[in-house]
Every structure is written in C-alpha cells, then in structure tokens.
Amino acid sequence: MDTGSDSRGHLMQIKSIVSRSVRLPFRFSFGHSLASRNFSRNIVVEVAIAVGEGTVTGLGESVPREYVTGETSESALAFINEVLAPALLGRSFAGVDQLLGALEALFYQERLDERPLGAAFCAVELALLDACARILGLPFYLMPAYLARLSRLPAAASTLDRTLWNLELPWSERVFRYGGVVPFGKRKVLEALLRAYKAYGFQTVKLKVGDDIDEDLVKIKLARSILGPAVKLRIDANCAWNFDLACLAMERFRPLGVVSLEQPLPRLETEGLARLQARLPETIVVDESLTTLKEAQRLIELKACRAFNIRISKVGGIVAAMKLVELARQASLECHLGAQVGESGILASAQKHLALAVPDLFANVEGAMNLFLLKRDLTRECLTVPFGAVVSARPPERANLGLAVNLKRESLLKLMEA
C-alpha cells in the first residue's frame, strides 16, 4: 500500500473535538434481563483536522451502558472533555501514521486495556479514523488493513497479525450475514417478529431469555417451529442465571438445537463461566464479561468460553476490536460482532466496515436495525440490514464511513435537550 504522500505529505493539526449527548427515541420498547428501554442516550463526536490549507472532519459515536462498562452518557462526556480531548487538541502531526500512533499511545496511557471506559474512547477514535480515511482516500473497511500495517505503533500495541487484515481480499469475498435478535415480548409480538425474520432471510436468530425456564422453553419451541431446522438458534441470558440454573436450562433447551448460550452468568463470574463451559457441549459466548483486553486474556486463560461477542462501543473502538479478534483467533475462539441497542447509522456503518474487513472471521453479526427501531436516525443513508440479511462490498464511491449527518444543527440540538 502506497501511503507516502497521503499520510506524510502534509502537516496535520487537530483543530476541534466537539462531543454531544443525543437522545434517540425508539419505535417500541426493547427489553432483556438487564434493562428495558424505549430510547437511547448516545455520544456523538465531531473532529476537525487542519491539513495543508484545508480542513477535514470526521464523525464518531458510542453508546454508554452503565450495566456493562459502568459508563453513563454524563461520565463518558466528562472523560472525553476532561481527559481525551485535552490530550489531543492543538497537537500537530507529520501525517496519519503519527496521529494514529499518538491515539494508540493515549489508549494505553489511560490504561484502557484494563479499564472499562470503551464508550468514551470509541467515539473519539471513530471520529479520528473517519477523518483519516478521508485524508488517505480509503474506504473505511480498508482502515483495519492500514492500521495493522503501521510500523510505528507503540510496542505494547503492535501485536496485530498484519497478514490477518488482508488489503487484497477481492470484492467478491467481502460478504457477511447479519443475524436477528428477538427481545422480550408477549407471544403474539414474538410470533410476528419471528415470522418477519424468517421472511426477511435471517439464517441466525438470537432469543433473549430470562430466569423463567418454562416460559423460555415455550419461546424457543415457538422459534424453532416458525424458523425451521436450518436456522441457527442462539439464546442470550444477559447475566440472568446461576450455574445450576444454566445447567438445568440447557438440558431442557438442548433437544431444540440451541447452538450457543450468551452470557449466562453475571459478568464478574469468570471462574463460574469456565466451569460451565467445561460441562456444556454448547458454545458459551461472552458479552458483558468482555469489555477490555485484560478481561479477554483472562477468559482465554481459564477457557471460560468458546466465543467473544465484540461490540465496538463496548470495547473501545476499532483497534481494540481488532486486537480482540486476533486474541480470539490465536485461541481458536469464534468472534461475534455485536451491537448496542440504539446505535445510529454512524456506529452501524463502522460495524459494517469492520465486518467487511475480514468477513470470514465473524460467525455472527448483529445490529443495523435502524429503520425498524429508531424513530429518527443521524444519517442520510439507511444502513439497515438489507433484505436477505446478506451484505457484500461494492467498489467505494468515496472514502470515510460513507455517511452524512441527516439532521440540521438545530435539530441535533433539540435531540440533545430532549
């Protein structure tokens, strides 16, 4: 990849980092064992980088969830405005390589490899990566390859397998499938949603379950009867079970062909997850227990799971997600690319581009249901799962995340005040 003139030809300076909290209302309530909500409070970051005689902007987003990383929209904004922005604002760089190196150094300086503050860092990182993609003239899904090939990242951050994020992967091979997620709901609603998923073409469906095994068994039977035997059926307990309940539940669910169980135990019960995975033939997928690189390494050491659910906002952005993919690959674990409920088109686009980077590494990709869930999105492009639930890359018409903010500045301010 020839990046000489693009990445090192101009002096670059970060002129502004503006962060906002926005309220995105839902069309319906989305519930699981840990929470139920009818809106999402997201963080949107816009950066401006002076390059030569011009200015390039970039957009980033994150979705703080207190029950996952301990972050709220208020605490995430505070961390951005009081720590991350002051560390970057006004700094000049000899090119994109140097800027991204400084960003990675900041990640480790703030110990975000072990501190669960991913939502705050993610929004800033995405905005800067979006701007850098514009400067380099690269579609965003080639940024992982670019990041993996940088030679001047700090030693602590240079563990990425550079052959993994293949720049030369043909267009025809950049294809992945989305899976559907079914929240809590009454039988008629669940039945309607399952039939819609079948008609839409989802080949993987994940059901949210709770602590009522009898009720969940009815739900799983309904799903199997509607979806048929060919669809992969996954369940997600969102920390609702204990060890004994998990064993009992899976004994009853197993005849229905459930292929994986996500986050059955509370997030800090890593040793319990290891005992449970040793006992169950089904794959345990960790989600709430996986928020940092340090947690990932501990999960691998204990053999506490067979799959990671990697959510960009939760883990701290694209680079952290890439590192988790590499750790999972080395340990022969599956990778699922998840999403926070309520992501706008900004995060949904970043997720899509990450999946397109190396699509064969992701056993399941979720999210991008913007059109169906959100009353108002932040982007002009829809970025909702296409009919058939299959996404393939097209030759890029432009660089960056491939989106534009839909709302006028005054409309954005109204969302902030709501």
Protein backbone atom coordinates (compact mmCIF):
# COMPACT_ATOMS: atom_id res chain seq x y z
CA MET A 1 0.00 0.00 0.00
CA ASP A 2 1.50 3.33 -1.05
CA THR A 3 0.55 5.91 1.55
CA GLY A 4 3.59 8.18 1.36
CA SER A 5 2.03 11.35 0.01
CA ASP A 6 -1.33 10.83 1.70
CA SER A 7 -0.10 10.05 5.22
CA ARG A 8 3.12 12.02 5.46
CA GLY A 9 2.89 14.78 2.85
CA HIS A 10 1.11 17.40 4.93
CA LEU A 11 1.36 18.75 8.43
CA MET A 12 -1.86 17.93 10.30
CA GLN A 13 -3.31 19.60 13.36
CA ILE A 14 -6.37 18.61 15.39
CA LYS A 15 -8.36 21.85 15.50
CA SER A 16 -11.51 20.81 17.37
CA ILE A 17 -13.16 17.89 19.14
CA VAL A 18 -16.85 18.54 19.83
CA SER A 19 -18.81 15.95 21.82
CA ARG A 20 -22.57 15.84 22.35
CA SER A 21 -25.13 13.63 24.06
CA VAL A 22 -28.14 12.85 21.86
CA ARG A 23 -31.41 11.13 22.69
CA LEU A 24 -32.69 8.74 20.02
CA PRO A 25 -36.28 7.55 20.62
CA PHE A 26 -37.35 4.01 19.67
CA ARG A 27 -40.48 2.90 17.82
CA PHE A 28 -41.03 0.25 20.52
CA SER A 29 -39.54 -0.84 23.83
CA PHE A 30 -36.57 -3.23 23.64
CA GLY A 31 -36.06 -5.41 26.72
CA HIS A 32 -33.79 -8.14 28.10
CA SER A 33 -32.76 -9.38 31.56
CA LEU A 34 -30.66 -6.33 32.44
CA ALA A 35 -32.71 -3.47 31.04
CA SER A 36 -35.71 -2.32 29.05
CA ARG A 37 -35.67 0.98 27.18
CA ASN A 38 -37.62 2.99 24.64
CA PHE A 39 -34.79 5.41 23.77
CA SER A 40 -31.02 5.51 23.72
CA ARG A 41 -28.71 8.24 25.00
CA ASN A 42 -25.71 8.22 22.66
CA ILE A 43 -22.47 10.19 22.41
CA VAL A 44 -21.62 11.82 19.06
CA VAL A 45 -18.15 13.30 18.45
CA GLU A 46 -17.14 15.52 15.55
CA VAL A 47 -13.47 16.30 14.94
CA ALA A 48 -11.85 18.81 12.59
CA ILE A 49 -8.29 18.30 11.36
CA ALA A 50 -6.42 21.01 9.51
CA VAL A 51 -4.49 19.50 6.59
CA GLY A 52 -2.46 21.82 4.40
CA GLU A 53 -4.75 24.72 3.57
CA GLY A 54 -7.99 22.79 4.17
CA THR A 55 -9.95 21.14 6.97
CA VAL A 56 -11.17 17.55 7.12
CA THR A 57 -13.92 16.47 9.52
CA GLY A 58 -14.86 13.08 10.94
CA LEU A 59 -17.77 11.63 12.91
CA GLY A 60 -17.79 9.12 15.74
CA GLU A 61 -20.41 7.64 18.04
CA SER A 62 -20.71 5.44 21.11
CA VAL A 63 -23.48 4.07 23.30
CA PRO A 64 -22.58 4.07 27.01
CA ARG A 65 -24.29 1.38 29.10
CA GLU A 66 -23.83 1.62 32.85
CA TYR A 67 -24.64 -2.06 33.46
CA VAL A 68 -21.90 -3.13 31.00
CA THR A 69 -18.90 -0.81 31.39
CA GLY A 70 -20.14 1.40 34.23
CA GLU A 71 -20.32 4.40 31.88
CA THR A 72 -23.20 6.83 31.56
CA SER A 73 -23.56 9.48 28.88
CA GLU A 74 -22.54 12.06 31.51
CA SER A 75 -19.42 10.18 32.60
CA ALA A 76 -18.41 9.43 29.01
CA LEU A 77 -18.74 13.08 28.04
CA ALA A 78 -16.72 14.09 31.09
CA PHE A 79 -13.91 11.66 30.20
CA ILE A 80 -13.84 12.94 26.63
CA ASN A 81 -13.90 16.63 27.58
CA GLU A 82 -11.59 16.43 30.59
CA VAL A 83 -9.08 13.77 29.53
CA LEU A 84 -9.13 12.66 25.90
CA ALA A 85 -9.79 15.97 24.12
CA PRO A 86 -7.18 17.97 26.09
CA ALA A 87 -4.60 15.27 25.31
CA LEU A 88 -5.19 15.65 21.55
CA LEU A 89 -6.44 19.17 20.85
CA GLY A 90 -3.99 21.51 19.14
CA ARG A 91 -1.40 18.82 18.56
CA SER A 92 0.35 18.71 15.22
CA PHE A 93 1.40 15.55 13.41
CA ALA A 94 3.61 14.78 10.43
CA GLY A 95 0.86 12.59 8.96
CA VAL A 96 -1.81 10.00 9.61
CA ASP A 97 0.66 7.40 10.87
CA GLN A 98 1.90 9.70 13.61
CA LEU A 99 -1.61 10.77 14.61
CA LEU A 100 -2.83 7.18 14.93
CA GLY A 101 0.28 6.24 16.85
CA ALA A 102 -0.47 9.03 19.33
CA LEU A 103 -4.07 7.82 19.62
CA GLU A 104 -2.93 4.28 20.46
CA ALA A 105 -0.42 5.63 22.94
CA LEU A 106 -3.24 7.53 24.65
CA PHE A 107 -5.29 4.32 24.85
CA TYR A 108 -2.52 2.62 26.84
CA GLN A 109 -1.58 5.75 28.77
CA GLU A 110 -5.10 5.83 30.20
CA ARG A 111 -4.91 2.06 30.83
CA LEU A 112 -7.95 1.38 28.69
CA ASP A 113 -6.65 -2.12 28.00
CA GLU A 114 -7.73 -2.86 31.59
CA ARG A 115 -10.19 -0.09 32.50
CA PRO A 116 -13.72 -0.47 31.04
CA LEU A 117 -14.12 3.01 29.56
CA GLY A 118 -14.64 1.88 25.99
CA ALA A 119 -17.62 4.06 25.08
CA ALA A 120 -15.77 7.33 25.70
CA PHE A 121 -12.68 6.34 23.74
CA CYS A 122 -14.66 4.70 20.94
CA ALA A 123 -16.48 7.90 19.93
CA VAL A 124 -13.24 9.88 19.70
CA GLU A 125 -11.34 7.10 17.91
CA LEU A 126 -14.09 6.61 15.29
CA ALA A 127 -14.22 10.33 14.55
CA LEU A 128 -10.45 10.48 14.06
CA LEU A 129 -10.40 7.30 11.95
CA ASP A 130 -13.23 8.68 9.82
CA ALA A 131 -11.23 11.86 9.17
CA CYS A 132 -8.05 9.87 8.50
CA ALA A 133 -9.87 7.69 5.96
CA ARG A 134 -10.84 10.88 4.12
CA ILE A 135 -7.27 12.14 4.19
CA LEU A 136 -5.91 8.81 2.91
CA GLY A 137 -8.67 8.44 0.33
CA LEU A 138 -9.52 4.96 1.65
CA PRO A 139 -12.95 3.38 2.11
CA PHE A 140 -13.34 2.80 5.84
CA TYR A 141 -13.28 -1.00 5.60
CA LEU A 142 -9.64 -0.77 4.44
CA MET A 143 -8.66 1.15 7.60
CA PRO A 144 -8.18 -2.09 9.60
CA ALA A 145 -5.65 -3.24 6.99
CA TYR A 146 -3.96 0.15 7.17
CA LEU A 147 -3.88 0.08 10.97
CA ALA A 148 -2.46 -3.44 11.03
CA ARG A 149 0.36 -2.44 8.70
CA LEU A 150 1.52 0.64 10.56
CA SER A 151 5.11 0.20 11.64
CA ARG A 152 5.31 2.97 14.20
CA LEU A 153 2.69 1.98 16.74
CA PRO A 154 3.87 1.63 20.34
CA ALA A 155 5.39 -1.76 21.13
CA ALA A 156 2.55 -2.63 23.51
CA ALA A 157 0.07 -2.10 20.69
CA SER A 158 1.89 -3.89 17.86
CA THR A 159 0.54 -7.41 18.44
CA LEU A 160 -1.87 -7.38 15.49
CA ASP A 161 -1.27 -10.05 12.86
CA ARG A 162 -0.61 -7.97 9.77
CA THR A 163 -1.44 -10.84 7.42
CA LEU A 164 -4.89 -11.19 9.01
CA TRP A 165 -6.31 -7.84 7.83
CA ASN A 166 -5.79 -8.51 4.12
CA LEU A 167 -5.91 -5.42 1.91
CA GLU A 168 -6.05 -7.53 -1.26
CA LEU A 169 -9.20 -9.52 -0.36
CA PRO A 170 -11.35 -9.49 -3.57
CA TRP A 171 -14.68 -7.69 -3.66
CA SER A 172 -16.49 -10.99 -4.24
CA GLU A 173 -15.17 -12.37 -0.93
CA ARG A 174 -16.19 -9.40 1.20
CA VAL A 175 -19.59 -10.85 2.15
CA PHE A 176 -21.17 -11.47 5.54
CA ARG A 177 -24.59 -12.29 7.00
CA TYR A 178 -26.49 -10.46 9.72
CA GLY A 179 -28.30 -12.35 12.47
CA GLY A 180 -31.55 -11.21 14.06
CA VAL A 181 -32.15 -10.55 17.76
CA VAL A 182 -35.52 -11.15 19.47
CA PRO A 183 -36.15 -9.10 22.66
CA PHE A 184 -38.60 -9.85 25.45
CA GLY A 185 -42.23 -9.62 24.37
CA LYS A 186 -45.66 -11.18 24.50
CA ARG A 187 -46.36 -14.28 22.44
CA LYS A 188 -48.21 -12.50 19.60
CA VAL A 189 -45.39 -9.97 19.24
CA LEU A 190 -42.73 -12.68 19.32
CA GLU A 191 -44.58 -14.74 16.75
CA ALA A 192 -44.95 -11.77 14.42
CA LEU A 193 -41.28 -10.86 14.78
CA LEU A 194 -40.09 -14.42 14.17
CA ARG A 195 -42.21 -14.71 11.03
CA ALA A 196 -40.83 -11.40 9.84
CA TYR A 197 -37.26 -12.61 10.44
CA LYS A 198 -37.92 -15.80 8.50
CA ALA A 199 -39.40 -13.88 5.59
CA TYR A 200 -36.51 -11.40 5.71
CA GLY A 201 -33.97 -14.18 5.30
CA PHE A 202 -32.11 -14.34 8.63
CA GLN A 203 -30.14 -17.58 8.92
CA THR A 204 -29.23 -16.94 12.58
CA VAL A 205 -31.63 -15.73 15.27
CA LYS A 206 -30.83 -14.99 18.91
CA LEU A 207 -33.54 -15.04 21.58
CA LYS A 208 -33.33 -13.05 24.79
CA VAL A 209 -34.17 -15.33 27.75
CA GLY A 210 -34.65 -14.76 31.50
CA ASP A 211 -34.95 -16.74 34.71
CA ASP A 212 -38.27 -18.45 33.89
CA ILE A 213 -37.19 -21.66 32.15
CA ASP A 214 -40.73 -22.83 31.42
CA GLU A 215 -41.60 -19.56 29.72
CA ASP A 216 -38.34 -19.55 27.77
CA LEU A 217 -38.87 -23.15 26.65
CA VAL A 218 -42.20 -22.13 25.11
CA LYS A 219 -40.45 -19.23 23.36
CA ILE A 220 -37.68 -21.45 21.97
CA LYS A 221 -40.17 -24.06 20.76
CA LEU A 222 -42.13 -21.30 19.02
CA ALA A 223 -38.97 -20.01 17.37
CA ARG A 224 -37.93 -23.44 16.15
CA SER A 225 -41.40 -24.20 14.78
CA ILE A 226 -41.51 -20.93 12.81
CA LEU A 227 -37.88 -20.69 11.69
CA GLY A 228 -37.45 -24.35 10.82
CA PRO A 229 -34.49 -26.67 11.41
CA ALA A 230 -31.97 -24.91 9.16
CA VAL A 231 -31.80 -21.59 11.06
CA LYS A 232 -29.16 -21.35 13.78
CA LEU A 233 -30.85 -20.66 17.10
CA ARG A 234 -28.90 -18.83 19.80
CA ILE A 235 -30.01 -17.64 23.24
CA ASP A 236 -28.79 -14.77 25.41
CA ALA A 237 -29.42 -14.72 29.17
CA ASN A 238 -27.77 -11.32 29.82
CA CYS A 239 -26.36 -12.43 33.21
CA ALA A 240 -29.74 -13.75 34.47
CA TRP A 241 -28.72 -17.27 35.51
CA ASN A 242 -26.57 -19.00 38.10
CA PHE A 243 -24.55 -22.17 37.47
CA ASP A 244 -27.25 -24.68 38.44
CA LEU A 245 -29.99 -22.86 36.54
CA ALA A 246 -27.80 -22.72 33.44
CA CYS A 247 -27.18 -26.47 33.54
CA LEU A 248 -30.88 -27.22 34.05
CA ALA A 249 -31.97 -24.80 31.33
CA MET A 250 -29.62 -26.21 28.72
CA GLU A 251 -30.73 -29.78 29.46
CA ARG A 252 -34.25 -28.71 28.56
CA PHE A 253 -33.31 -26.50 25.62
CA ARG A 254 -30.77 -28.88 24.03
CA PRO A 255 -33.30 -31.03 22.09
CA LEU A 256 -34.38 -27.87 20.23
CA GLY A 257 -30.95 -27.40 18.70
CA VAL A 258 -29.71 -24.29 20.52
CA VAL A 259 -26.15 -23.81 19.25
CA SER A 260 -24.87 -21.18 21.69
CA LEU A 261 -25.59 -19.60 25.05
CA GLU A 262 -24.57 -15.98 25.58
CA GLN A 263 -23.57 -14.55 28.96
CA PRO A 264 -25.43 -17.00 31.24
CA LEU A 265 -23.75 -15.79 34.47
CA PRO A 266 -23.08 -12.34 35.98
CA ARG A 267 -20.22 -10.53 34.27
CA LEU A 268 -17.58 -10.98 37.00
CA GLU A 269 -18.16 -14.72 37.49
CA THR A 270 -15.38 -15.72 35.12
CA GLU A 271 -14.40 -18.87 37.00
CA GLY A 272 -18.04 -19.96 37.06
CA LEU A 273 -18.18 -19.49 33.29
CA ALA A 274 -15.11 -21.72 32.96
CA ARG A 275 -16.74 -24.49 34.99
CA LEU A 276 -19.94 -24.13 32.98
CA GLN A 277 -18.19 -24.23 29.60
CA ALA A 278 -16.31 -27.38 30.67
CA ARG A 279 -19.66 -29.00 31.43
CA LEU A 280 -21.77 -27.86 28.47
CA PRO A 281 -21.37 -29.04 24.86
CA GLU A 282 -22.87 -25.78 23.58
CA THR A 283 -20.71 -22.73 22.90
CA ILE A 284 -20.71 -20.08 25.63
CA VAL A 285 -20.46 -16.59 24.15
CA VAL A 286 -19.22 -13.86 26.50
CA ASP A 287 -20.54 -10.32 26.20
CA GLU A 288 -20.85 -8.36 29.44
CA SER A 289 -17.76 -10.22 30.75
CA LEU A 290 -15.72 -8.93 27.79
CA THR A 291 -15.06 -5.19 28.00
CA THR A 292 -11.24 -4.96 27.98
CA LEU A 293 -8.20 -6.72 26.54
CA LYS A 294 -7.19 -7.81 30.04
CA GLU A 295 -10.58 -9.48 30.55
CA ALA A 296 -10.21 -11.23 27.19
CA GLN A 297 -6.85 -12.66 28.19
CA ARG A 298 -8.29 -13.90 31.49
CA LEU A 299 -11.24 -15.54 29.74
CA ILE A 300 -8.86 -17.31 27.37
CA GLU A 301 -6.57 -18.47 30.18
CA LEU A 302 -9.48 -20.02 32.09
CA LYS A 303 -11.13 -21.45 28.95
CA ALA A 304 -14.29 -19.71 30.12
CA CYS A 305 -15.93 -19.51 26.69
CA ARG A 306 -15.71 -20.57 23.07
CA ALA A 307 -16.77 -17.25 21.54
CA PHE A 308 -16.39 -13.48 22.03
CA ASN A 309 -19.22 -11.03 21.38
CA ILE A 310 -17.27 -7.93 20.35
CA ARG A 311 -19.18 -4.66 20.35
CA ILE A 312 -17.20 -1.69 19.06
CA SER A 313 -18.63 0.81 21.54
CA LYS A 314 -18.21 -1.54 24.50
CA VAL A 315 -14.56 -2.47 23.93
CA GLY A 316 -13.14 0.93 22.96
CA GLY A 317 -13.29 1.22 19.20
CA ILE A 318 -11.97 -0.37 16.03
CA VAL A 319 -8.38 -1.02 17.11
CA ALA A 320 -9.41 -2.65 20.39
CA ALA A 321 -11.94 -4.77 18.47
CA MET A 322 -9.19 -5.83 16.06
CA LYS A 323 -6.96 -6.86 18.95
CA LEU A 324 -9.79 -8.93 20.43
CA VAL A 325 -10.33 -10.64 17.07
CA GLU A 326 -6.65 -11.50 16.95
CA LEU A 327 -6.66 -12.85 20.53
CA ALA A 328 -9.73 -14.95 19.72
CA ARG A 329 -8.15 -16.28 16.51
CA GLN A 330 -4.98 -17.34 18.33
CA ALA A 331 -7.11 -19.16 20.94
CA SER A 332 -9.40 -20.76 18.28
CA LEU A 333 -12.47 -18.92 19.56
CA GLU A 334 -15.42 -17.72 17.46
CA CYS A 335 -15.95 -14.00 17.04
CA HIS A 336 -19.42 -12.47 17.02
CA LEU A 337 -19.71 -8.79 16.08
CA GLY A 338 -22.48 -7.40 18.24
CA ALA A 339 -24.14 -4.02 18.61
CA GLN A 340 -25.51 -1.83 21.36
CA VAL A 341 -29.27 -1.38 21.18
CA GLY A 342 -29.94 2.10 19.80
CA GLU A 343 -26.86 2.68 17.68
CA SER A 344 -27.37 5.25 14.95
CA GLY A 345 -26.11 4.87 11.39
CA ILE A 346 -22.66 6.11 12.44
CA LEU A 347 -21.84 3.08 14.60
CA ALA A 348 -23.83 0.75 12.34
CA SER A 349 -21.66 1.84 9.43
CA ALA A 350 -18.43 1.39 11.38
CA GLN A 351 -19.56 -2.10 12.35
CA LYS A 352 -20.40 -2.97 8.74
CA HIS A 353 -16.99 -1.80 7.55
CA LEU A 354 -15.22 -3.82 10.26
CA ALA A 355 -17.18 -6.92 9.23
CA LEU A 356 -16.23 -6.30 5.59
CA ALA A 357 -12.54 -6.06 6.54
CA VAL A 358 -12.31 -9.81 7.19
CA PRO A 359 -15.84 -11.22 6.95
CA ASP A 360 -14.88 -14.88 7.34
CA LEU A 361 -13.74 -14.22 10.93
CA PHE A 362 -17.19 -13.32 12.20
CA ALA A 363 -19.55 -16.23 12.91
CA ASN A 364 -22.41 -13.81 13.54
CA VAL A 365 -23.01 -10.07 13.01
CA GLU A 366 -25.90 -8.29 14.74
CA GLY A 367 -27.40 -4.82 14.75
CA ALA A 368 -28.08 -2.30 11.95
CA MET A 369 -31.84 -2.41 12.54
CA ASN A 370 -32.03 1.39 12.48
CA LEU A 371 -35.03 1.73 10.20
CA PHE A 372 -37.11 -0.65 12.31
CA LEU A 373 -36.03 0.52 15.78
CA LEU A 374 -35.23 4.24 15.62
CA LYS A 375 -37.83 6.95 15.10
CA ARG A 376 -35.02 9.23 13.90
CA ASP A 377 -31.54 8.34 12.74
CA LEU A 378 -28.48 10.60 12.49
CA THR A 379 -27.50 9.61 8.96
CA ARG A 380 -28.90 10.09 5.50
CA GLU A 381 -28.02 6.58 4.46
CA CYS A 382 -30.34 4.00 5.99
CA LEU A 383 -27.72 1.35 6.86
CA THR A 384 -30.42 -1.11 7.90
CA VAL A 385 -29.92 -4.84 7.32
CA PRO A 386 -30.73 -5.46 3.64
CA PHE A 387 -33.39 -7.94 2.58
CA GLY A 388 -31.83 -11.39 2.69
CA ALA A 389 -29.59 -10.28 5.59
CA VAL A 390 -26.52 -10.56 3.35
CA VAL A 391 -24.06 -7.68 2.89
CA SER A 392 -21.46 -7.51 0.16
CA ALA A 393 -18.91 -4.80 -0.56
CA ARG A 394 -19.23 -2.53 -3.56
CA PRO A 395 -16.44 -0.51 -5.14
CA PRO A 396 -16.26 2.63 -3.00
CA GLU A 397 -17.59 5.90 -4.35
CA ARG A 398 -15.90 7.85 -1.58
CA ALA A 399 -13.68 7.47 1.43
CA ASN A 400 -14.55 7.51 5.14
CA LEU A 401 -17.59 5.89 6.79
CA GLY A 402 -19.69 6.60 3.74
CA LEU A 403 -22.39 8.59 5.53
CA ALA A 404 -23.50 12.11 6.31
CA VAL A 405 -25.36 13.58 9.26
CA ASN A 406 -29.02 13.78 8.34
CA LEU A 407 -30.18 16.34 10.86
CA LYS A 408 -29.58 20.05 10.71
CA ARG A 409 -27.57 21.55 13.52
CA GLU A 410 -30.69 22.93 15.24
CA SER A 411 -32.38 19.52 15.05
CA LEU A 412 -29.33 17.94 16.65
CA LEU A 413 -29.53 20.48 19.45
CA LYS A 414 -33.17 19.54 20.05
CA LEU A 415 -32.17 15.88 20.39
CA MET A 416 -29.52 16.93 22.90
CA GLU A 417 -32.09 18.76 25.00
CA ALA A 418 -34.76 16.01 24.87
